[in-house]
Amino acid sequence: MFEFGQTVIRRRHERIPDPYNSDRTVAGTSWVEVEIHGAWVASSSSVSTQSATRNQILTMKSLFCPPDSDVHEGDQIVADGEVYIVEAVPSADVNPFTGWRPFREVPLKNDKG
């Protein structure tokens, strides 16, 4: 755990029964929120893209969280009043000799504009 880590919120759409196929579920309209304790959101990069019709800033960050955190691609992470989208989730590595598992680095993005 990071001694001075923060608590972030993971948002995911609730799963509801598919009205057309009872064997599966689909994303609903409500959010399910879960707190992830001892995490850390760090800056990675920011890029400003401008065109004649659009001015956009794309901010890339990384979420460092415990290896067993329930985070999936497409989830939202709320930290420091900002909402980030999870782009991908790498596997939680395990040291084959000791069983030690490092914190997971999860790439995030935030589009503004």
N, C-alpha and C. Protein backbone atom coordinates (compact mmCIF):
# COMPACT_ATOMS: atom_id res chain seq x y z
N MET A 1 0.84 -1.19 0.00
CA MET A 1 0.00 0.00 0.00
C MET A 1 0.88 1.25 0.00
N PHE A 2 0.41 2.26 -0.70
CA PHE A 2 1.10 3.54 -0.65
C PHE A 2 0.71 4.22 0.66
N GLU A 3 1.70 4.59 1.44
CA GLU A 3 1.43 5.19 2.74
C GLU A 3 0.58 6.45 2.61
N PHE A 4 0.81 7.23 1.56
CA PHE A 4 0.04 8.45 1.36
C PHE A 4 -0.84 8.35 0.12
N GLY A 5 -1.30 7.16 -0.18
CA GLY A 5 -2.20 6.94 -1.32
C GLY A 5 -3.54 7.62 -1.09
N GLN A 6 -4.38 7.56 -2.09
CA GLN A 6 -5.69 8.18 -2.01
C GLN A 6 -6.77 7.15 -2.31
N THR A 7 -7.99 7.51 -2.01
CA THR A 7 -9.13 6.68 -2.35
C THR A 7 -9.73 7.23 -3.64
N VAL A 8 -9.89 6.38 -4.63
CA VAL A 8 -10.52 6.77 -5.89
C VAL A 8 -11.82 5.98 -6.03
N ILE A 9 -12.68 6.45 -6.89
CA ILE A 9 -13.96 5.78 -7.15
C ILE A 9 -13.90 5.14 -8.53
N ARG A 10 -14.28 3.86 -8.59
CA ARG A 10 -14.40 3.16 -9.86
C ARG A 10 -15.88 3.09 -10.20
N ARG A 11 -16.26 3.60 -11.38
CA ARG A 11 -17.64 3.56 -11.84
C ARG A 11 -17.76 2.57 -12.99
N ARG A 12 -18.84 1.79 -12.93
CA ARG A 12 -19.14 0.85 -14.02
C ARG A 12 -20.65 0.80 -14.17
N HIS A 13 -21.12 0.72 -15.41
CA HIS A 13 -22.56 0.60 -15.63
C HIS A 13 -23.07 -0.70 -15.02
N GLU A 14 -24.22 -0.61 -14.35
CA GLU A 14 -24.83 -1.83 -13.81
C GLU A 14 -25.18 -2.77 -14.95
N ARG A 15 -25.23 -4.05 -14.68
CA ARG A 15 -25.62 -5.04 -15.67
C ARG A 15 -27.08 -5.40 -15.45
N ILE A 16 -27.87 -5.38 -16.52
CA ILE A 16 -29.29 -5.71 -16.44
C ILE A 16 -29.59 -6.81 -17.46
N PRO A 17 -30.68 -7.56 -17.25
CA PRO A 17 -31.03 -8.61 -18.22
C PRO A 17 -31.31 -8.03 -19.60
N ASP A 18 -30.85 -8.70 -20.62
CA ASP A 18 -31.10 -8.29 -22.00
C ASP A 18 -32.56 -8.60 -22.31
N PRO A 19 -33.36 -7.58 -22.71
CA PRO A 19 -34.77 -7.83 -22.97
C PRO A 19 -35.01 -8.75 -24.18
N TYR A 20 -33.99 -8.93 -25.02
CA TYR A 20 -34.15 -9.76 -26.21
C TYR A 20 -33.52 -11.15 -26.08
N ASN A 21 -32.67 -11.34 -25.06
CA ASN A 21 -32.00 -12.62 -24.88
C ASN A 21 -31.78 -12.85 -23.39
N SER A 22 -32.57 -13.72 -22.79
CA SER A 22 -32.52 -13.92 -21.34
C SER A 22 -31.24 -14.61 -20.87
N ASP A 23 -30.40 -15.09 -21.78
CA ASP A 23 -29.15 -15.74 -21.41
C ASP A 23 -27.99 -14.77 -21.21
N ARG A 24 -28.21 -13.49 -21.42
CA ARG A 24 -27.11 -12.53 -21.28
C ARG A 24 -27.57 -11.25 -20.61
N THR A 25 -26.61 -10.41 -20.24
CA THR A 25 -26.91 -9.11 -19.66
C THR A 25 -26.29 -8.01 -20.52
N VAL A 26 -26.81 -6.81 -20.35
CA VAL A 26 -26.30 -5.65 -21.08
C VAL A 26 -26.08 -4.51 -20.08
N ALA A 27 -25.35 -3.50 -20.49
CA ALA A 27 -25.10 -2.35 -19.63
C ALA A 27 -26.37 -1.54 -19.44
N GLY A 28 -26.66 -1.23 -18.19
CA GLY A 28 -27.82 -0.40 -17.87
C GLY A 28 -27.45 1.07 -17.89
N THR A 29 -28.34 1.91 -17.37
CA THR A 29 -28.10 3.34 -17.36
C THR A 29 -27.57 3.84 -16.02
N SER A 30 -27.65 3.05 -14.98
CA SER A 30 -27.17 3.44 -13.65
C SER A 30 -25.72 3.02 -13.46
N TRP A 31 -25.03 3.75 -12.58
CA TRP A 31 -23.64 3.44 -12.27
C TRP A 31 -23.55 2.63 -10.98
N VAL A 32 -22.61 1.72 -10.93
CA VAL A 32 -22.23 1.04 -9.70
C VAL A 32 -20.86 1.62 -9.34
N GLU A 33 -20.75 2.17 -8.13
CA GLU A 33 -19.50 2.79 -7.70
C GLU A 33 -18.84 1.97 -6.61
N VAL A 34 -17.52 1.82 -6.70
CA VAL A 34 -16.73 1.08 -5.72
C VAL A 34 -15.51 1.93 -5.38
N GLU A 35 -15.20 2.01 -4.09
CA GLU A 35 -14.00 2.73 -3.67
C GLU A 35 -12.78 1.83 -3.78
N ILE A 36 -11.68 2.39 -4.28
CA ILE A 36 -10.39 1.69 -4.31
C ILE A 36 -9.48 2.48 -3.39
N HIS A 37 -9.09 1.85 -2.29
CA HIS A 37 -8.26 2.51 -1.28
C HIS A 37 -6.77 2.28 -1.58
N GLY A 38 -5.95 3.23 -1.15
CA GLY A 38 -4.51 3.09 -1.28
C GLY A 38 -4.02 3.20 -2.71
N ALA A 39 -4.76 3.88 -3.55
CA ALA A 39 -4.38 4.05 -4.96
C ALA A 39 -3.61 5.35 -5.12
N TRP A 40 -3.18 5.59 -6.35
CA TRP A 40 -2.43 6.80 -6.67
C TRP A 40 -2.62 7.09 -8.14
N VAL A 41 -2.99 8.33 -8.50
CA VAL A 41 -3.13 8.74 -9.89
C VAL A 41 -1.97 9.68 -10.21
N ALA A 42 -1.19 9.31 -11.22
CA ALA A 42 0.00 10.08 -11.58
C ALA A 42 -0.10 10.60 -13.00
N SER A 43 0.49 11.76 -13.22
CA SER A 43 0.52 12.35 -14.57
C SER A 43 1.39 11.54 -15.49
N SER A 44 0.95 11.49 -16.74
CA SER A 44 1.73 10.81 -17.75
C SER A 44 2.07 11.79 -18.87
N SER A 45 1.03 12.39 -19.50
CA SER A 45 1.27 13.38 -20.55
C SER A 45 -0.02 14.12 -20.87
N SER A 46 0.13 15.29 -21.51
CA SER A 46 -1.00 16.06 -22.02
C SER A 46 -0.65 16.50 -23.44
N VAL A 47 -1.63 16.44 -24.32
CA VAL A 47 -1.44 16.84 -25.70
C VAL A 47 -2.59 17.75 -26.09
N SER A 48 -2.26 18.89 -26.68
CA SER A 48 -3.28 19.81 -27.18
C SER A 48 -3.41 19.61 -28.68
N THR A 49 -4.60 19.27 -29.12
CA THR A 49 -4.84 19.12 -30.55
C THR A 49 -5.82 20.20 -30.99
N GLN A 50 -5.43 20.95 -32.00
CA GLN A 50 -6.26 22.05 -32.47
C GLN A 50 -6.50 21.91 -33.96
N SER A 51 -7.72 22.27 -34.35
CA SER A 51 -8.04 22.34 -35.78
C SER A 51 -8.89 23.59 -35.97
N ALA A 52 -9.34 23.81 -37.17
CA ALA A 52 -10.14 25.00 -37.45
C ALA A 52 -11.47 24.98 -36.71
N THR A 53 -11.95 23.79 -36.36
CA THR A 53 -13.27 23.68 -35.72
C THR A 53 -13.22 23.14 -34.30
N ARG A 54 -12.04 22.76 -33.82
CA ARG A 54 -12.01 22.11 -32.51
C ARG A 54 -10.70 22.40 -31.77
N ASN A 55 -10.83 22.62 -30.47
CA ASN A 55 -9.68 22.77 -29.60
C ASN A 55 -9.84 21.74 -28.48
N GLN A 56 -8.94 20.77 -28.42
CA GLN A 56 -9.09 19.67 -27.48
C GLN A 56 -7.78 19.44 -26.73
N ILE A 57 -7.90 19.07 -25.45
CA ILE A 57 -6.75 18.67 -24.67
C ILE A 57 -6.97 17.23 -24.22
N LEU A 58 -6.03 16.37 -24.57
CA LEU A 58 -6.09 14.97 -24.18
C LEU A 58 -5.05 14.77 -23.08
N THR A 59 -5.52 14.40 -21.89
CA THR A 59 -4.63 14.19 -20.75
C THR A 59 -4.53 12.71 -20.46
N MET A 60 -3.32 12.22 -20.40
CA MET A 60 -3.06 10.82 -20.08
C MET A 60 -2.52 10.74 -18.66
N LYS A 61 -3.06 9.83 -17.88
CA LYS A 61 -2.59 9.60 -16.53
C LYS A 61 -2.52 8.10 -16.31
N SER A 62 -1.97 7.71 -15.19
CA SER A 62 -1.92 6.31 -14.81
C SER A 62 -2.48 6.14 -13.41
N LEU A 63 -3.29 5.12 -13.24
CA LEU A 63 -3.79 4.74 -11.93
C LEU A 63 -2.91 3.61 -11.42
N PHE A 64 -2.31 3.80 -10.26
CA PHE A 64 -1.57 2.74 -9.59
C PHE A 64 -2.46 2.22 -8.48
N CYS A 65 -2.79 0.93 -8.53
CA CYS A 65 -3.74 0.36 -7.57
C CYS A 65 -3.30 -1.04 -7.17
N PRO A 66 -3.85 -1.55 -6.06
CA PRO A 66 -3.52 -2.91 -5.65
C PRO A 66 -3.82 -3.90 -6.78
N PRO A 67 -3.03 -4.98 -6.87
CA PRO A 67 -3.18 -5.91 -7.99
C PRO A 67 -4.52 -6.62 -8.06
N ASP A 68 -5.25 -6.69 -6.96
CA ASP A 68 -6.54 -7.37 -6.97
C ASP A 68 -7.72 -6.41 -7.15
N SER A 69 -7.44 -5.15 -7.51
CA SER A 69 -8.51 -4.17 -7.72
C SER A 69 -9.36 -4.55 -8.91
N ASP A 70 -10.68 -4.40 -8.77
CA ASP A 70 -11.63 -4.75 -9.82
C ASP A 70 -11.78 -3.57 -10.78
N VAL A 71 -10.89 -3.50 -11.77
CA VAL A 71 -10.88 -2.42 -12.76
C VAL A 71 -10.82 -3.06 -14.13
N HIS A 72 -11.72 -2.61 -15.03
CA HIS A 72 -11.77 -3.16 -16.38
C HIS A 72 -11.75 -2.04 -17.41
N GLU A 73 -11.38 -2.38 -18.63
CA GLU A 73 -11.40 -1.42 -19.72
C GLU A 73 -12.81 -0.85 -19.86
N GLY A 74 -12.89 0.48 -20.04
CA GLY A 74 -14.19 1.15 -20.19
C GLY A 74 -14.75 1.70 -18.89
N ASP A 75 -14.20 1.27 -17.73
CA ASP A 75 -14.65 1.83 -16.45
C ASP A 75 -14.26 3.30 -16.37
N GLN A 76 -14.88 4.01 -15.46
CA GLN A 76 -14.49 5.38 -15.17
C GLN A 76 -13.83 5.41 -13.80
N ILE A 77 -12.81 6.26 -13.66
CA ILE A 77 -12.13 6.47 -12.39
C ILE A 77 -12.31 7.93 -12.03
N VAL A 78 -12.82 8.19 -10.83
CA VAL A 78 -12.99 9.55 -10.34
C VAL A 78 -11.92 9.81 -9.29
N ALA A 79 -11.07 10.80 -9.56
CA ALA A 79 -9.98 11.16 -8.64
C ALA A 79 -9.76 12.66 -8.70
N ASP A 80 -9.65 13.27 -7.55
CA ASP A 80 -9.39 14.71 -7.46
C ASP A 80 -10.39 15.54 -8.26
N GLY A 81 -11.65 15.11 -8.31
CA GLY A 81 -12.69 15.86 -9.00
C GLY A 81 -12.70 15.68 -10.51
N GLU A 82 -11.82 14.87 -11.05
CA GLU A 82 -11.76 14.61 -12.49
C GLU A 82 -12.26 13.19 -12.78
N VAL A 83 -12.81 13.00 -13.97
CA VAL A 83 -13.28 11.68 -14.39
C VAL A 83 -12.39 11.21 -15.53
N TYR A 84 -11.81 10.03 -15.36
CA TYR A 84 -10.92 9.43 -16.35
C TYR A 84 -11.53 8.14 -16.85
N ILE A 85 -11.19 7.77 -18.07
CA ILE A 85 -11.67 6.53 -18.67
C ILE A 85 -10.51 5.53 -18.70
N VAL A 86 -10.78 4.31 -18.27
CA VAL A 86 -9.76 3.26 -18.30
C VAL A 86 -9.60 2.78 -19.73
N GLU A 87 -8.39 2.92 -20.27
CA GLU A 87 -8.13 2.51 -21.65
C GLU A 87 -7.79 1.03 -21.77
N ALA A 88 -7.07 0.50 -20.82
CA ALA A 88 -6.67 -0.91 -20.85
C ALA A 88 -6.23 -1.30 -19.45
N VAL A 89 -6.31 -2.57 -19.15
CA VAL A 89 -5.87 -3.05 -17.85
C VAL A 89 -4.85 -4.15 -18.06
N PRO A 90 -3.60 -3.89 -17.68
CA PRO A 90 -2.60 -4.95 -17.80
C PRO A 90 -2.83 -6.03 -16.77
N SER A 91 -2.30 -7.19 -17.02
CA SER A 91 -2.46 -8.28 -16.06
C SER A 91 -1.71 -7.95 -14.78
N ALA A 92 -2.16 -8.56 -13.69
CA ALA A 92 -1.50 -8.38 -12.41
C ALA A 92 -0.35 -9.38 -12.33
N ASP A 93 0.86 -8.89 -12.51
CA ASP A 93 2.03 -9.76 -12.54
C ASP A 93 2.27 -10.40 -11.17
N VAL A 94 2.89 -11.59 -11.20
CA VAL A 94 3.25 -12.30 -9.99
C VAL A 94 4.68 -12.80 -10.14
N ASN A 95 5.53 -12.49 -9.15
CA ASN A 95 6.90 -12.98 -9.18
C ASN A 95 6.87 -14.50 -9.00
N PRO A 96 7.43 -15.27 -9.94
CA PRO A 96 7.33 -16.72 -9.86
C PRO A 96 8.16 -17.33 -8.73
N PHE A 97 9.09 -16.57 -8.17
CA PHE A 97 9.94 -17.11 -7.11
C PHE A 97 9.40 -16.80 -5.71
N THR A 98 8.79 -15.61 -5.56
CA THR A 98 8.35 -15.20 -4.22
C THR A 98 6.84 -15.08 -4.08
N GLY A 99 6.13 -14.97 -5.22
CA GLY A 99 4.68 -14.76 -5.16
C GLY A 99 4.31 -13.30 -4.96
N TRP A 100 5.31 -12.42 -4.89
CA TRP A 100 5.06 -11.00 -4.70
C TRP A 100 4.34 -10.42 -5.91
N ARG A 101 3.35 -9.55 -5.65
CA ARG A 101 2.58 -8.91 -6.72
C ARG A 101 2.72 -7.40 -6.61
N PRO A 102 3.31 -6.74 -7.61
CA PRO A 102 3.43 -5.28 -7.57
C PRO A 102 2.09 -4.61 -7.83
N PHE A 103 2.03 -3.31 -7.51
CA PHE A 103 0.84 -2.54 -7.86
C PHE A 103 0.67 -2.56 -9.36
N ARG A 104 -0.58 -2.47 -9.79
CA ARG A 104 -0.90 -2.46 -11.21
C ARG A 104 -0.91 -1.03 -11.72
N GLU A 105 -0.36 -0.81 -12.90
CA GLU A 105 -0.43 0.50 -13.54
C GLU A 105 -1.50 0.42 -14.62
N VAL A 106 -2.54 1.24 -14.47
CA VAL A 106 -3.69 1.23 -15.38
C VAL A 106 -3.72 2.55 -16.16
N PRO A 107 -3.59 2.52 -17.50
CA PRO A 107 -3.62 3.75 -18.29
C PRO A 107 -5.01 4.39 -18.30
N LEU A 108 -5.03 5.70 -18.07
CA LEU A 108 -6.28 6.46 -18.05
C LEU A 108 -6.21 7.58 -19.08
N LYS A 109 -7.38 8.05 -19.51
CA LYS A 109 -7.39 9.23 -20.39
C LYS A 109 -8.54 10.14 -19.96
N ASN A 110 -8.40 11.41 -20.30
CA ASN A 110 -9.40 12.42 -19.99
C ASN A 110 -9.45 13.36 -21.18
N ASP A 111 -10.58 13.41 -21.86
CA ASP A 111 -10.74 14.29 -23.02
C ASP A 111 -11.50 15.53 -22.61
N LYS A 112 -10.97 16.69 -22.97
CA LYS A 112 -11.69 17.94 -22.73
C LYS A 112 -11.69 18.74 -24.02
N GLY A 113 -12.87 19.20 -24.38
CA GLY A 113 -12.97 20.04 -25.57
C GLY A 113 -13.68 19.37 -26.70
